[in-house]
Structures are given as structure tokens and as C-alpha cells.
Amino acid sequence: MSLAPAILLWAANGYGPVVVVAPEGPEDAETAWIGEAVADALPRALGQLSVAAVERADLRRAQEKLGIPGEPVTRATAIRVAEALGASRLVTGTFKPQDANVTLSLRLLDVERATLSAPLIAAGPLTSLPELIGSLAWDIALAGSTRPGRTREEFLGGGRSVPFEAFRAYARALAAPDPASGAKLLRQALALEPAYDEARLALGRLQVATREYEAARESLKRIPPGAAVARSARFIEGVALLGLGRYAEARELYASLVAQGPTAASLNNQALALLRLQATSPRASAVLRRAFDLDPAAADLPFNLAFALLVEGQAEAAAFWLKTVVERDPMDVRAQVVLTWALRAAGREAQAEEAWRKVLDRSPSYESLAAVDVSRRFEIVRDSEGPPLREPDEQDEESQAAGHLARALVLVAEDKADDALAELSRAAYLEPTNPQVHLLMARLYRARGETDKALASFRMSLWSRDDPAVRREMEGLGPAPNR
């Protein structure tokens, strides 16, 4: 089975993906589908050439999270989205239909260097649009740092073709103004080409988005295991299973995806299935820690990990993680609610009351959630294995924290413990889930004979990343933290 998610390619290649923005064309509803066809098919073609690219569905999801409306977008907005997705290059351009022909003109923007390439142009009959997109994908791949592993002729001749009318119906579905219209056009495409896996995947995604979970499963199960989109189909099927409450099946599905190639998203959803099953082997929190190690900048993973820890009875560890969430986003009322619960479960009533006042100040309607209730489904299900959003200031804080840690190491070597602890405190504030920072603090406190502070720092290091060697190191100081 193909490991479809671009995130697996990014890990292998060590650089950011390509983001493709739908090219602009005439303000004509009849031809708007052409731009959507390029935005959808070009990333997929690049993936076939081992060039990591963000799928159109993930790009639109990122725009929604950033509060950016749909196409068209300005160049400045496109750059903002590309930066948030950690992209290395951005593809923009235009399309020009004329009678029965079309001309595509695309340019590559190097996001870091802000340099723009010369136009890459492909022109021909409108019915040859899929081939034109493939030709441009080849040109873009050649412009990258890694040469394609096959010839142009092999690439352009090796793809599975679908009838043009099915392709056009699918692209029109992508440009449809509402889910009902989109579903109708996708079914039209599938009637013309029953083996059109991309259209079936799009229909399944649409059905999950409208909570038609059983219908989504039926759509997605018809995509064969060897299809290029098979992994994406199985991932979305797992989301449908979670929506149906069929947690044991979801657990097995995501466990198989993790075995094929772990991603933060597959681990996250596997953990949520385990949590809802109240499974103890493996624990949901252990699986979520693996997810966090793969994607430490994601905002949803610390919250899910904290919620899992609270359900598992580790209230202090849950409060530790939730504080990082609310510091990152003080407007996240749900995180404030669960932080209140964790503090109460840990017996820290004064801090819990302070956190609860902040909840009611922001949203009095949450009054009914004062009591701890871990049966509520507050966990965040990932609906894609696409890239997480990276806010620029997060990168800056990580860099600043790394600087404080580096200075602390120098100060330790110079026997300046007080100054080193001051630097480590700043690093912990900026990056509170860095286990190395807390471990170094624990060792300094232990050397000074401040046992309570050393134990607290050891615990925070372990809450950030469980490490048997660190557990053994703290055994002589006092009881080990909850496992």
C-alpha cells in the first residue's frame, strides 16, 4: 500500500512541502473548475514524483483555521498560508481558456528567499488538461533539489486516465458552493467512472464533514487497498468509525496505519480510540506522547495528552500540559475548563477557583461544567494526516528557548548555578515541554540539596517525555511520579 501522506515525504527529505494555490482565471463560474482541477491534481502528481506537496483538502482546511476565505486569495495571503504550513515553495499562476483550448502559466516562489521563477507554461486542448498538469508537475520537480527517478515519458505515460467528463464533474464538485451540489457532482463523476478513487475519497470526506458516517464508510470501503489514495481513505474511514462510536474497530484501523508508517495524526486518533475504550495497554497517554514527539508544534496534541492523563488519574501531569495550552492560547475556554478539572482533581482548590473565574469571565454559559466530567468528548479528532499549522511566533519562541538552554549549559560548566537556573527558568517559560530543560534544572537543584524542587523538575521532565533512565536517576530523591 502506498504511504500517501506528504508528511512522510517531508520527514525523509528534510525540507518543507510545496503549496499549490489554485491559479486565477476569468471571473466565470463556468470555468472556475479549471483552477480547482490544477490545485487538486498538481500536488498529487508532484507526490508521484517524490516531491512533498500539500493536498488541496489540507490547504483549504488550513485556510479555514487561519480565518482565510476560499479562493481566490491574494499573493500575500498565499505566502502567509505557505509559511504557516512550513512550505518551502509556493506555486501560483493563471489559466486562460480560449474556445476549446486552455493555457496554464505557473510560477514558483521560494518562500524563504522570496525569489520568483520564470513562468512554466503548458497549453493544449481543454480535454488534455490532466496531461498538461502532469507536464507542469514534471517541470516543477526538475526545478527542485532531487531529480525524478524516471523519465518524463515514463511519468506522463504511466498514470491511470479517467474519462474527461468524469474529470470535469469531479473538478466542478471541488468548486461547488455547497455540500449537496458537491455530492451530486461527485456521484455523477463516479457514474461515468466507477473506479475513480479520487472522486470516491472526496465523497467520503464530504460525507464525514456532514456527519453521514455510515455512508462515508460505504464510499471509502470501495477504494481498493492498492490505490494511490488508499491510506487517506482508510484514515477518513477511521474518523467515521470514531463518529459512529465503533472504537474497537477504529483502534485496529489506526494501529495498522501506525504499523505501516506512524504519523502524529494516526497516533492521535489511535489514542482517542484507546481512551474511549478505557484501554490500559497501551495507554492513550503513551500513544499521544509518541504523537507529540513527531509533531511538538501542534496545538491539539498537548490538549489531548492532558485530557488523557486526567482520565487516567494523573491530574498533576494533566495540569502541567494544560498550562502550556492556555499560555499558548488564553482564549481557549475548553482548555481552561479542563485545567480547572485537573487542578481540582490534584487537590489544588485555590488555583482551580482562579482558573474557573477566568472561564466564567470569558463564557458564563460554561457554568454547568464546574464539576469534573471526563465523560465529555472534549478530545480533538484529527481529520487528516496533512501538515500542522506553524505560527511564526512559535518558531521564534523555540529559538529563544534554545538560546537560553545553550547559555545555561555554558554557565553550568563555569559553576554559575544561580545564573544557569535563571536561564533555564526563561527557557522553561518559552518552551515548557522541553524535557532537557527540566532535567538540567532537576540536576542543579539536586546538587544544591533542594530536594523538593529537584523532584518537581524531574517530574516535569518525565511528563514532557517518559524516560526510564530519568526515572532511575530520581529514585533516590523520593517516590516516582504516576506511571
Protein backbone atom coordinates (compact mmCIF):
# COMPACT_ATOMS: atom_id res chain seq x y z
CA MET A 1 0.00 0.00 0.00
CA SER A 2 1.23 3.47 -0.85
CA LEU A 3 2.15 5.67 2.10
CA ALA A 4 0.30 8.64 0.65
CA PRO A 5 0.63 11.42 3.24
CA ALA A 6 3.11 14.07 2.21
CA ILE A 7 4.23 14.30 5.83
CA LEU A 8 6.11 11.01 5.38
CA LEU A 9 7.98 12.51 2.43
CA TRP A 10 8.82 15.66 4.41
CA ALA A 11 10.44 13.58 7.12
CA ALA A 12 12.54 11.77 4.52
CA ASN A 13 13.53 14.83 2.51
CA GLY A 14 14.15 17.19 5.42
CA TYR A 15 12.54 20.25 3.87
CA GLY A 16 9.12 21.82 3.66
CA PRO A 17 6.45 20.82 1.16
CA VAL A 18 5.18 22.62 -1.92
CA VAL A 19 1.90 24.53 -1.61
CA VAL A 20 -0.20 24.92 -4.76
CA VAL A 21 -2.69 27.78 -4.86
CA ALA A 22 -5.46 27.49 -7.46
CA PRO A 23 -4.41 29.56 -10.49
CA GLU A 24 -6.54 32.59 -11.27
CA GLY A 25 -8.68 32.86 -14.37
CA PRO A 26 -11.66 34.75 -15.76
CA GLU A 27 -14.46 35.60 -13.33
CA ASP A 28 -16.65 32.99 -14.92
CA ALA A 29 -18.49 30.31 -12.96
CA GLU A 30 -18.37 28.02 -16.00
CA THR A 31 -14.57 27.83 -16.00
CA ALA A 32 -13.78 28.16 -12.26
CA TRP A 33 -13.39 24.38 -12.10
CA ILE A 34 -10.16 24.59 -14.13
CA GLY A 35 -8.28 26.34 -11.32
CA GLU A 36 -9.62 23.84 -8.76
CA ALA A 37 -8.57 20.96 -11.01
CA VAL A 38 -4.99 22.27 -11.05
CA ALA A 39 -4.95 22.87 -7.28
CA ASP A 40 -6.15 19.30 -6.70
CA ALA A 41 -4.25 17.31 -9.32
CA LEU A 42 -0.88 19.08 -9.27
CA PRO A 43 0.03 18.19 -5.63
CA ARG A 44 -0.93 14.58 -6.31
CA ALA A 45 1.24 14.48 -9.43
CA LEU A 46 4.14 16.00 -7.50
CA GLY A 47 3.75 13.31 -4.86
CA GLN A 48 4.13 10.66 -7.56
CA LEU A 49 7.48 12.29 -8.36
CA SER A 50 8.52 12.14 -4.66
CA VAL A 51 8.05 15.89 -4.25
CA ALA A 52 6.20 16.55 -0.99
CA ALA A 53 3.15 18.73 -1.64
CA VAL A 54 0.15 19.79 0.43
CA GLU A 55 -3.10 18.26 -0.79
CA ARG A 56 -5.83 20.68 -1.79
CA ALA A 57 -8.14 19.46 1.01
CA ASP A 58 -5.44 20.16 3.61
CA LEU A 59 -4.74 23.58 2.14
CA ARG A 60 -8.41 24.53 2.38
CA ARG A 61 -8.53 23.25 5.94
CA ALA A 62 -5.50 25.40 6.81
CA GLN A 63 -7.19 28.45 5.29
CA GLU A 64 -10.27 27.84 7.41
CA LYS A 65 -8.21 27.56 10.60
CA LEU A 66 -6.41 30.78 9.75
CA GLY A 67 -9.73 32.54 9.06
CA ILE A 68 -8.96 32.99 5.37
CA PRO A 69 -11.87 32.69 2.91
CA GLY A 70 -11.74 30.37 -0.10
CA GLU A 71 -10.23 31.05 -3.49
CA PRO A 72 -9.10 33.33 -4.89
CA VAL A 73 -6.51 34.52 -2.38
CA THR A 74 -4.04 37.36 -2.64
CA ARG A 75 -0.34 36.61 -3.03
CA ALA A 76 0.34 37.97 0.47
CA THR A 77 -2.32 35.67 1.92
CA ALA A 78 -0.97 32.71 -0.02
CA ILE A 79 2.50 33.37 1.42
CA ARG A 80 1.03 33.53 4.91
CA VAL A 81 -0.63 30.13 4.45
CA ALA A 82 2.55 28.66 2.97
CA GLU A 83 4.61 29.89 5.94
CA ALA A 84 2.06 28.51 8.39
CA LEU A 85 2.33 25.11 6.68
CA GLY A 86 6.12 25.21 6.75
CA ALA A 87 6.25 25.20 2.94
CA SER A 88 9.49 25.64 1.01
CA ARG A 89 7.87 26.69 -2.27
CA LEU A 90 4.57 28.20 -3.35
CA VAL A 91 3.03 27.63 -6.78
CA THR A 92 0.78 30.40 -8.14
CA GLY A 93 -0.30 31.39 -11.62
CA THR A 94 -3.12 31.81 -14.10
CA PHE A 95 -5.21 29.83 -16.54
CA LYS A 96 -6.64 31.19 -19.77
CA PRO A 97 -9.41 29.28 -21.55
CA GLN A 98 -9.96 30.10 -25.21
CA ASP A 99 -12.56 28.25 -27.25
CA ALA A 100 -11.73 24.54 -26.73
CA ASN A 101 -8.17 25.21 -25.51
CA VAL A 102 -6.51 26.29 -22.28
CA THR A 103 -3.16 27.82 -21.33
CA LEU A 104 -1.66 27.30 -17.86
CA SER A 105 1.08 29.63 -16.64
CA LEU A 106 2.57 28.82 -13.24
CA ARG A 107 5.45 30.31 -11.24
CA LEU A 108 7.34 29.06 -8.20
CA LEU A 109 8.01 31.30 -5.25
CA ASP A 110 10.82 30.32 -2.90
CA VAL A 111 9.16 31.14 0.42
CA GLU A 112 12.37 31.67 2.38
CA ARG A 113 14.32 33.61 -0.25
CA ALA A 114 11.27 35.39 -1.76
CA THR A 115 12.53 34.67 -5.30
CA LEU A 116 10.11 34.05 -8.16
CA SER A 117 10.82 31.70 -11.06
CA ALA A 118 10.18 32.33 -14.72
CA PRO A 119 6.73 31.16 -15.86
CA LEU A 120 6.20 27.45 -16.54
CA ILE A 121 3.71 27.24 -19.39
CA ALA A 122 1.62 24.40 -20.79
CA ALA A 123 -1.07 24.79 -23.45
CA GLY A 124 -3.35 22.49 -25.38
CA PRO A 125 -6.93 21.30 -25.81
CA LEU A 126 -9.07 21.55 -22.67
CA THR A 127 -9.62 17.80 -22.87
CA SER A 128 -5.86 17.35 -22.33
CA LEU A 129 -5.90 19.28 -19.01
CA PRO A 130 -4.82 16.26 -16.89
CA GLU A 131 -1.81 15.76 -19.18
CA LEU A 132 -0.95 19.47 -19.06
CA ILE A 133 -0.98 19.34 -15.25
CA GLY A 134 1.30 16.30 -15.31
CA SER A 135 3.70 18.11 -17.64
CA LEU A 136 3.89 21.07 -15.25
CA ALA A 137 4.44 18.73 -12.31
CA TRP A 138 7.46 17.32 -14.13
CA ASP A 139 8.85 20.82 -14.70
CA ILE A 140 8.37 21.72 -11.04
CA ALA A 141 10.07 18.50 -9.93
CA LEU A 142 13.04 19.29 -12.18
CA ALA A 143 13.33 22.70 -10.53
CA GLY A 144 13.78 21.07 -7.12
CA SER A 145 16.87 19.64 -5.44
CA THR A 146 16.08 15.99 -6.24
CA ARG A 147 15.78 14.69 -9.79
CA PRO A 148 12.83 12.41 -10.64
CA GLY A 149 13.69 8.72 -10.61
CA ARG A 150 12.12 8.05 -14.01
CA THR A 151 11.93 9.63 -17.42
CA ARG A 152 9.35 12.21 -18.47
CA GLU A 153 7.81 9.70 -20.87
CA GLU A 154 7.51 7.05 -18.16
CA PHE A 155 5.86 9.51 -15.79
CA LEU A 156 3.40 11.01 -18.27
CA GLY A 157 2.50 7.64 -19.74
CA GLY A 158 2.23 5.67 -16.53
CA GLY A 159 -0.75 7.35 -14.90
CA ARG A 160 -4.29 5.97 -14.84
CA SER A 161 -6.56 8.08 -17.01
CA VAL A 162 -10.26 8.74 -16.45
CA PRO A 163 -12.81 9.96 -18.98
CA PHE A 164 -12.58 13.72 -19.35
CA GLU A 165 -16.26 14.24 -18.49
CA ALA A 166 -15.71 12.39 -15.20
CA PHE A 167 -12.63 14.52 -14.50
CA ARG A 168 -14.59 17.71 -15.19
CA ALA A 169 -17.52 16.63 -12.98
CA TYR A 170 -15.05 15.90 -10.16
CA ALA A 171 -13.35 19.29 -10.54
CA ARG A 172 -16.72 21.04 -10.62
CA ALA A 173 -17.60 19.28 -7.38
CA LEU A 174 -14.50 20.82 -5.80
CA ALA A 175 -15.72 24.26 -6.85
CA ALA A 176 -19.35 23.60 -5.79
CA PRO A 177 -20.90 26.22 -3.48
CA ASP A 178 -22.47 23.73 -1.02
CA PRO A 179 -22.11 20.07 0.09
CA ALA A 180 -25.29 18.89 -1.63
CA SER A 181 -24.17 20.22 -5.01
CA GLY A 182 -20.70 18.80 -4.49
CA ALA A 183 -22.03 15.34 -3.59
CA LYS A 184 -24.30 15.33 -6.66
CA LEU A 185 -21.38 16.12 -8.98
CA LEU A 186 -19.13 13.53 -7.33
CA ARG A 187 -21.77 10.85 -7.84
CA GLN A 188 -22.01 11.97 -11.45
CA ALA A 189 -18.25 11.52 -11.82
CA LEU A 190 -18.44 8.06 -10.26
CA ALA A 191 -21.31 7.07 -12.55
CA LEU A 192 -19.07 7.93 -15.50
CA GLU A 193 -16.03 6.20 -13.96
CA PRO A 194 -16.80 3.81 -11.06
CA ALA A 195 -13.05 3.27 -10.43
CA TYR A 196 -12.38 7.00 -9.91
CA ASP A 197 -10.74 6.65 -6.49
CA GLU A 198 -10.04 10.37 -6.00
CA ALA A 199 -13.73 11.18 -6.51
CA ARG A 200 -14.75 8.43 -4.09
CA LEU A 201 -12.32 9.76 -1.48
CA ALA A 202 -13.71 13.28 -1.93
CA LEU A 203 -17.24 11.93 -1.49
CA GLY A 204 -16.22 10.11 1.69
CA ARG A 205 -14.62 13.26 3.09
CA LEU A 206 -17.73 15.24 2.29
CA GLN A 207 -19.96 12.66 3.99
CA VAL A 208 -17.79 12.71 7.12
CA ALA A 209 -17.95 16.52 7.16
CA THR A 210 -21.78 16.32 7.06
CA ARG A 211 -21.77 13.52 9.71
CA GLU A 212 -23.05 10.85 7.31
CA TYR A 213 -20.64 8.39 8.85
CA GLU A 214 -22.16 5.12 7.68
CA ALA A 215 -22.48 6.42 4.12
CA ALA A 216 -18.88 7.59 4.27
CA ARG A 217 -17.71 4.12 5.29
CA GLU A 218 -19.57 2.57 2.38
CA SER A 219 -17.97 5.03 -0.03
CA LEU A 220 -14.45 4.63 1.32
CA LYS A 221 -14.51 0.84 1.60
CA ARG A 222 -14.87 0.65 -2.18
CA ILE A 223 -11.40 2.12 -2.68
CA PRO A 224 -9.05 -0.86 -3.24
CA PRO A 225 -6.03 -1.40 -0.93
CA GLY A 226 -3.54 -0.81 -3.73
CA ALA A 227 -4.95 2.58 -4.78
CA ALA A 228 -2.76 5.67 -4.52
CA VAL A 229 -5.30 7.23 -2.12
CA ALA A 230 -5.86 4.04 -0.11
CA ARG A 231 -4.16 5.28 3.06
CA SER A 232 -6.09 8.55 3.02
CA ALA A 233 -9.31 6.57 2.53
CA ARG A 234 -8.58 4.34 5.49
CA PHE A 235 -7.68 7.31 7.67
CA ILE A 236 -11.00 9.03 6.91
CA GLU A 237 -12.83 5.72 7.44
CA GLY A 238 -11.34 5.68 10.92
CA VAL A 239 -12.77 9.15 11.57
CA ALA A 240 -16.18 7.78 10.54
CA LEU A 241 -15.76 4.84 12.93
CA LEU A 242 -14.98 7.23 15.80
CA GLY A 243 -18.07 9.23 14.86
CA LEU A 244 -20.16 6.04 14.97
CA GLY A 245 -18.79 5.05 18.38
CA ARG A 246 -17.15 1.91 16.96
CA TYR A 247 -13.99 2.46 18.93
CA ALA A 248 -12.55 -1.07 18.82
CA GLU A 249 -12.63 -1.04 15.01
CA ALA A 250 -11.12 2.45 14.93
CA ARG A 251 -8.34 1.32 17.28
CA GLU A 252 -7.42 -1.59 15.00
CA LEU A 253 -7.58 0.53 11.86
CA TYR A 254 -5.29 3.24 13.20
CA ALA A 255 -2.94 0.67 14.74
CA SER A 256 -2.46 -0.81 11.27
CA LEU A 257 -1.75 2.63 9.79
CA VAL A 258 0.79 3.32 12.53
CA ALA A 259 2.46 -0.03 11.78
CA GLN A 260 2.77 0.95 8.11
CA GLY A 261 4.20 4.37 8.92
CA PRO A 262 3.46 6.38 12.09
CA THR A 263 2.27 9.96 11.79
CA ALA A 264 1.15 12.32 14.52
CA ALA A 265 -2.41 12.20 13.17
CA SER A 266 -2.67 8.40 13.04
CA LEU A 267 -1.22 8.11 16.56
CA ASN A 268 -3.58 10.82 17.82
CA ASN A 269 -6.68 9.06 16.53
CA GLN A 270 -5.46 5.65 17.71
CA ALA A 271 -5.03 7.15 21.18
CA LEU A 272 -8.55 8.62 21.20
CA ALA A 273 -10.00 5.22 20.32
CA LEU A 274 -7.97 3.68 23.18
CA LEU A 275 -9.13 6.40 25.56
CA ARG A 276 -12.80 5.87 24.72
CA LEU A 277 -12.35 2.12 25.17
CA GLN A 278 -10.65 2.79 28.53
CA ALA A 279 -7.81 0.57 27.34
CA THR A 280 -4.74 0.15 29.54
CA SER A 281 -2.34 -1.48 27.05
CA PRO A 282 -1.16 0.66 25.53
CA ARG A 283 -2.36 3.67 27.46
CA ALA A 284 -3.75 6.54 25.41
CA SER A 285 -1.31 8.96 27.04
CA ALA A 286 1.68 6.85 25.94
CA VAL A 287 0.49 6.86 22.33
CA LEU A 288 -0.14 10.62 22.47
CA ARG A 289 3.39 11.20 23.73
CA ARG A 290 4.64 9.45 20.58
CA ALA A 291 2.44 11.73 18.51
CA PHE A 292 3.78 14.80 20.31
CA ASP A 293 7.37 13.72 19.69
CA LEU A 294 6.57 13.64 15.95
CA ASP A 295 4.76 16.98 15.96
CA PRO A 296 5.75 19.09 19.00
CA ALA A 297 4.37 22.33 17.49
CA ALA A 298 0.79 21.07 17.16
CA ALA A 299 -1.72 22.79 19.43
CA ASP A 300 -4.19 19.90 19.66
CA LEU A 301 -1.78 17.21 20.85
CA PRO A 302 -0.88 18.79 24.23
CA PHE A 303 -4.60 19.23 24.95
CA ASN A 304 -5.43 15.64 24.02
CA LEU A 305 -2.49 14.37 26.06
CA ALA A 306 -3.61 16.40 29.07
CA PHE A 307 -7.16 15.12 28.78
CA ALA A 308 -5.93 11.53 28.53
CA LEU A 309 -3.72 11.98 31.60
CA LEU A 310 -6.67 13.37 33.54
CA VAL A 311 -8.86 10.42 32.55
CA GLU A 312 -6.05 8.06 33.56
CA GLY A 313 -5.82 9.64 37.02
CA GLN A 314 -2.64 11.67 36.53
CA ALA A 315 -4.08 15.07 37.45
CA GLU A 316 -0.79 16.82 38.20
CA ALA A 317 0.67 15.83 34.83
CA ALA A 318 -2.56 16.88 33.13
CA ALA A 319 -2.39 20.33 34.78
CA PHE A 320 1.23 20.70 33.64
CA TRP A 321 0.29 20.15 29.99
CA LEU A 322 -2.87 22.25 30.17
CA LYS A 323 -0.95 25.25 31.45
CA THR A 324 1.14 25.13 28.27
CA VAL A 325 -2.06 25.08 26.22
CA VAL A 326 -3.69 28.07 27.90
CA GLU A 327 -0.44 30.04 27.87
CA ARG A 328 -0.28 29.49 24.12
CA ASP A 329 -3.92 30.42 23.60
CA PRO A 330 -5.52 32.27 26.53
CA MET A 331 -8.83 32.35 24.63
CA ASP A 332 -9.16 28.55 24.60
CA VAL A 333 -12.02 28.26 27.07
CA ARG A 334 -12.27 24.49 26.72
CA ALA A 335 -8.65 24.13 27.85
CA GLN A 336 -9.37 26.46 30.78
CA VAL A 337 -12.30 24.23 31.80
CA VAL A 338 -10.20 21.07 31.73
CA LEU A 339 -7.36 22.85 33.53
CA THR A 340 -9.84 23.67 36.30
CA TRP A 341 -10.83 20.00 36.47
CA ALA A 342 -7.19 18.87 36.63
CA LEU A 343 -6.36 21.33 39.40
CA ARG A 344 -9.39 20.21 41.41
CA ALA A 345 -8.51 16.54 40.92
CA ALA A 346 -4.98 17.35 42.12
CA GLY A 347 -6.37 19.00 45.26
CA ARG A 348 -5.21 22.50 44.27
CA GLU A 349 -8.52 24.23 45.01
CA ALA A 350 -7.27 27.82 45.16
CA GLN A 351 -5.66 27.59 41.73
CA ALA A 352 -8.73 25.77 40.41
CA GLU A 353 -11.01 28.61 41.54
CA GLU A 354 -8.77 31.16 39.90
CA ALA A 355 -8.84 29.21 36.62
CA TRP A 356 -12.63 28.80 36.89
CA ARG A 357 -13.14 32.55 37.31
CA LYS A 358 -11.29 33.06 34.02
CA VAL A 359 -13.66 30.58 32.37
CA LEU A 360 -16.76 32.38 33.59
CA ASP A 361 -15.31 35.80 32.71
CA ARG A 362 -14.94 34.67 29.10
CA SER A 363 -18.03 32.49 28.77
CA PRO A 364 -20.69 32.44 31.53
CA SER A 365 -22.55 29.72 29.60
CA TYR A 366 -19.93 27.22 30.83
CA GLU A 367 -21.35 27.41 34.37
CA SER A 368 -22.69 23.84 34.10
CA LEU A 369 -19.18 22.46 33.58
CA ALA A 370 -17.89 23.35 37.03
CA ALA A 371 -17.77 19.72 38.19
CA VAL A 372 -15.19 17.32 36.77
CA ASP A 373 -16.80 15.25 33.99
CA VAL A 374 -14.29 13.30 31.90
CA SER A 375 -17.12 11.51 30.09
CA ARG A 376 -17.48 14.58 27.88
CA ARG A 377 -15.91 14.19 24.44
CA PHE A 378 -13.51 17.12 24.57
CA GLU A 379 -10.75 15.33 22.68
CA ILE A 380 -9.81 16.65 19.23
CA VAL A 381 -10.02 14.11 16.40
CA ARG A 382 -7.62 14.67 13.50
CA ASP A 383 -9.45 14.51 10.16
CA SER A 384 -6.31 14.39 8.02
CA GLU A 385 -2.67 13.37 8.01
CA GLY A 386 -1.80 16.67 6.40
CA PRO A 387 0.70 19.16 7.82
CA PRO A 388 0.07 21.04 11.06
CA LEU A 389 -0.07 24.82 11.09
CA ARG A 390 3.06 26.61 12.24
CA GLU A 391 2.55 30.06 13.64
CA PRO A 392 5.69 32.19 13.11
CA ASP A 393 5.92 33.23 16.76
CA GLU A 394 6.08 29.58 17.83
CA GLN A 395 9.28 29.13 15.85
CA ASP A 396 10.68 32.30 17.45
CA GLU A 397 9.92 31.08 20.97
CA GLU A 398 11.62 27.75 20.28
CA SER A 399 14.72 29.58 19.04
CA GLN A 400 14.75 31.84 22.10
CA ALA A 401 14.36 28.84 24.41
CA ALA A 402 17.22 27.06 22.68
CA GLY A 403 19.38 30.15 23.23
CA HIS A 404 18.59 30.22 26.96
CA LEU A 405 19.36 26.49 27.23
CA ALA A 406 22.69 26.93 25.45
CA ARG A 407 23.67 29.78 27.77
CA ALA A 408 22.67 27.67 30.78
CA LEU A 409 24.97 24.84 29.67
CA VAL A 410 27.88 27.27 29.46
CA LEU A 411 27.08 28.68 32.90
CA VAL A 412 26.92 25.18 34.41
CA ALA A 413 30.40 24.49 33.03
CA GLU A 414 31.53 27.71 34.74
CA ASP A 415 29.97 26.63 38.09
CA LYS A 416 27.46 29.50 37.99
CA ALA A 417 24.41 27.55 39.14
CA ASP A 418 22.24 30.56 40.05
CA ASP A 419 22.70 32.18 36.66
CA ALA A 420 22.16 28.83 34.92
CA LEU A 421 18.87 28.30 36.76
CA ALA A 422 17.73 31.78 35.75
CA GLU A 423 18.41 30.95 32.08
CA LEU A 424 16.64 27.59 32.43
CA SER A 425 13.60 29.25 34.00
CA ARG A 426 13.32 31.52 30.96
CA ALA A 427 13.70 28.52 28.63
CA ALA A 428 11.01 26.60 30.52
CA TYR A 429 8.62 29.55 30.25
CA LEU A 430 9.13 29.76 26.47
CA GLU A 431 9.16 26.02 25.84
CA PRO A 432 7.62 24.31 28.89
CA THR A 433 7.54 20.83 27.33
CA ASN A 434 11.28 20.56 26.66
CA PRO A 435 12.42 17.63 28.85
CA GLN A 436 16.11 18.60 28.63
CA VAL A 437 15.44 21.95 30.29
CA HIS A 438 13.61 20.39 33.26
CA LEU A 439 16.17 17.60 33.61
CA LEU A 440 19.05 20.06 33.85
CA MET A 441 17.09 22.10 36.41
CA ALA A 442 16.47 18.92 38.44
CA ARG A 443 20.17 18.09 38.50
CA LEU A 444 21.12 21.60 39.58
CA TYR A 445 18.53 21.60 42.37
CA ARG A 446 19.71 18.15 43.49
CA ALA A 447 23.31 19.36 43.64
CA ARG A 448 22.17 22.29 45.82
CA GLY A 449 20.27 19.94 48.16
CA GLU A 450 16.86 21.39 47.21
CA THR A 451 15.13 18.01 47.06
CA ASP A 452 11.52 19.20 46.60
CA LYS A 453 12.43 21.43 43.68
CA ALA A 454 14.57 18.67 42.18
CA LEU A 455 11.68 16.19 42.39
CA ALA A 456 9.28 18.68 40.80
CA SER A 457 11.68 19.30 37.93
CA PHE A 458 12.28 15.57 37.45
CA ARG A 459 8.51 15.05 37.26
CA MET A 460 8.11 17.83 34.67
CA SER A 461 10.88 16.29 32.60
CA LEU A 462 9.10 12.92 32.73
CA TRP A 463 5.72 14.47 31.98
CA SER A 464 7.31 16.01 28.90
CA ARG A 465 8.92 12.73 27.82
CA ASP A 466 8.90 9.48 29.75
CA ASP A 467 12.47 8.19 30.03
CA PRO A 468 13.38 5.12 32.16
CA ALA A 469 16.89 6.46 32.71
CA VAL A 470 15.50 9.68 34.20
CA ARG A 471 13.13 7.66 36.40
CA ARG A 472 16.08 5.70 37.77
CA GLU A 473 18.01 8.92 38.33
CA MET A 474 15.31 10.35 40.59
CA GLU A 475 14.66 7.16 42.58
CA GLY A 476 16.97 8.22 45.38
CA LEU A 477 15.14 11.52 45.86
CA GLY A 478 11.62 10.29 46.57
CA PRO A 479 8.63 8.43 45.12
CA ALA A 480 8.42 8.21 41.32
CA PRO A 481 5.62 10.09 39.60
CA ASN A 482 2.48 8.33 38.41
CA ARG A 483 3.10 6.00 35.55
